[in-house]
Structure formats: C-alpha cells, structure tokens
C-alpha cells in the first residue's frame, strides 16, 4: 500500500517539474492525483478532502525560494501537510492481546 502511494506521489511531482511557479492551473492536476492516491490507499474521504484543501491553501500562497524548483516547493507543502495529518510525535503503541475464549 505504501509503495503504491509513494509511486503515485512521485508521478504527481514529476508533472509539476519544469513549471515556473505554483499556480492553481499547474497544481490542479497534482491535487487530483494526490486525492486519488489517498483514496486508493483507503484514506477516509473527509480526511482526504481536508488534506487536499490544506495543501491547496498552502501551495497557492507559497513563494518559491530561489534555490527551489516549483516541484520541490510542492513536495515540501505536501510533506508538511502529511506530518500535520499523521502527527509530529513518534508514538509507541501498546497492544494488548487477550486470550480467545475457549469453547
């Protein structure tokens, strides 16, 4: 699942490469592909909608630094949004296993 998601994201970023700056026109297709990739990875629709809207807001307001290309700037926006979505802290999960009832 994560390999598929990684592959889809890589293709999305290739499509932005070569653009002069981030505009609504050149990120529209990229956002569509991000949305489809997340849905194919079984991410809940409300989460996908919120994520895509957050990325769109941040990307459109993003000034591309002189040393970055637009695709690198977009990758940074998506990365930051994923970190915010998943959480910044490394949480250790404790699973408790119960014995199955004997019949």
Protein backbone atom coordinates (compact mmCIF):
# COMPACT_ATOMS: atom_id res chain seq x y z
CA UNK A 1 0.00 0.00 0.00
CA UNK A 2 2.73 2.49 0.93
CA UNK A 3 4.76 1.58 -2.15
CA UNK A 4 1.76 2.35 -4.34
CA UNK A 5 1.19 5.65 -2.55
CA UNK A 6 4.87 6.57 -2.90
CA UNK A 7 4.81 5.76 -6.60
CA UNK A 8 1.69 7.83 -7.19
CA UNK A 9 3.15 10.80 -5.31
CA UNK A 10 6.38 10.56 -7.36
CA UNK A 11 4.39 10.75 -10.60
CA UNK A 12 2.44 13.73 -9.30
CA UNK A 13 5.62 15.65 -8.56
CA UNK A 14 7.12 14.88 -11.98
CA UNK A 15 4.18 16.62 -13.64
CA UNK A 16 4.91 19.90 -11.84
CA UNK A 17 8.61 19.81 -12.73
CA UNK A 18 9.59 22.49 -15.21
CA UNK A 19 6.89 24.95 -14.19
CA UNK A 20 7.97 28.50 -13.36
CA UNK A 21 5.83 28.86 -10.22
CA UNK A 22 2.99 27.25 -8.31
CA UNK A 23 -0.35 28.35 -9.72
CA UNK A 24 -3.84 26.98 -9.43
CA UNK A 25 -3.64 25.69 -13.00
CA UNK A 26 -0.43 23.70 -12.59
CA UNK A 27 -1.29 22.22 -9.17
CA UNK A 28 -4.88 21.33 -10.10
CA UNK A 29 -3.90 18.03 -11.74
CA UNK A 30 -1.36 17.30 -9.00
CA UNK A 31 -4.01 17.77 -6.31
CA UNK A 32 -6.36 15.49 -8.23
CA UNK A 33 -3.70 12.78 -8.34
CA UNK A 34 -2.93 13.22 -4.63
CA UNK A 35 -6.66 12.87 -3.89
CA UNK A 36 -6.91 9.68 -5.97
CA UNK A 37 -3.76 8.20 -4.43
CA UNK A 38 -5.05 8.76 -0.91
CA UNK A 39 -8.47 7.34 -1.74
CA UNK A 40 -6.88 4.25 -3.31
CA UNK A 41 -4.90 3.86 -0.08
CA UNK A 42 -8.23 3.68 1.79
CA UNK A 43 -7.93 7.05 3.49
CA UNK A 44 -11.35 8.30 4.60
CA UNK A 45 -13.00 10.78 2.21
CA UNK A 46 -13.42 13.60 4.79
CA UNK A 47 -9.73 13.30 5.69
CA UNK A 48 -8.74 13.39 2.01
CA UNK A 49 -10.88 16.47 1.34
CA UNK A 50 -9.43 18.34 4.31
CA UNK A 51 -5.89 17.30 3.40
CA UNK A 52 -6.22 18.41 -0.23
CA UNK A 53 -7.77 21.73 0.80
CA UNK A 54 -4.93 22.37 3.27
CA UNK A 55 -2.31 21.56 0.63
CA UNK A 56 -4.04 23.80 -1.92
CA UNK A 57 -4.20 26.75 0.50
CA UNK A 58 -0.55 26.43 1.47
CA UNK A 59 0.72 25.78 -2.06
CA UNK A 60 -1.05 28.75 -3.62
CA UNK A 61 0.33 31.11 -1.02
CA UNK A 62 3.81 29.61 -1.30
CA UNK A 63 6.66 31.76 -2.52
CA UNK A 64 9.16 29.52 -4.27
CA UNK A 65 12.62 30.20 -2.84
CA UNK A 66 15.34 30.92 -5.37
CA UNK A 67 17.14 27.66 -4.70
CA UNK A 68 13.98 25.54 -5.03
CA UNK A 69 12.03 24.47 -8.08
CA UNK A 70 8.22 24.55 -8.01
CA UNK A 71 8.02 20.75 -7.75
CA UNK A 72 10.36 20.83 -4.73
CA UNK A 73 8.24 23.56 -3.14
CA UNK A 74 5.09 21.48 -3.71
CA UNK A 75 6.79 18.40 -2.24
CA UNK A 76 7.60 20.47 0.85
CA UNK A 77 3.98 21.58 1.20
CA UNK A 78 2.67 18.00 0.84
CA UNK A 79 5.29 16.70 3.27
CA UNK A 80 4.40 19.30 5.89
CA UNK A 81 0.68 18.54 5.48
CA UNK A 82 1.34 14.80 5.88
CA UNK A 83 3.34 15.44 9.06
CA UNK A 84 0.50 17.56 10.44
CA UNK A 85 -2.05 14.90 9.50
CA UNK A 86 -0.13 11.96 10.94
CA UNK A 87 1.21 13.81 13.97
CA UNK A 88 4.64 15.19 14.73
CA UNK A 89 5.35 12.93 17.67
CA UNK A 90 6.58 9.39 17.46
CA UNK A 91 4.03 7.44 19.45
CA UNK A 92 4.63 3.99 20.77
CA UNK A 93 1.55 1.88 20.53
CA UNK A 94 0.88 -0.74 23.14
CA UNK A 95 -1.28 -3.59 22.01
CA UNK A 96 -2.91 -5.85 24.50
CA UNK A 97 -3.63 -9.32 23.38
CA UNK A 98 -6.40 -11.16 25.10
CA UNK A 99 -6.86 -14.84 25.13
CA UNK A 100 -9.66 -16.05 22.98
CA UNK A 101 -12.48 -17.69 24.89
CA UNK A 102 -12.34 -21.44 24.85
CA UNK A 103 -15.47 -23.21 23.73
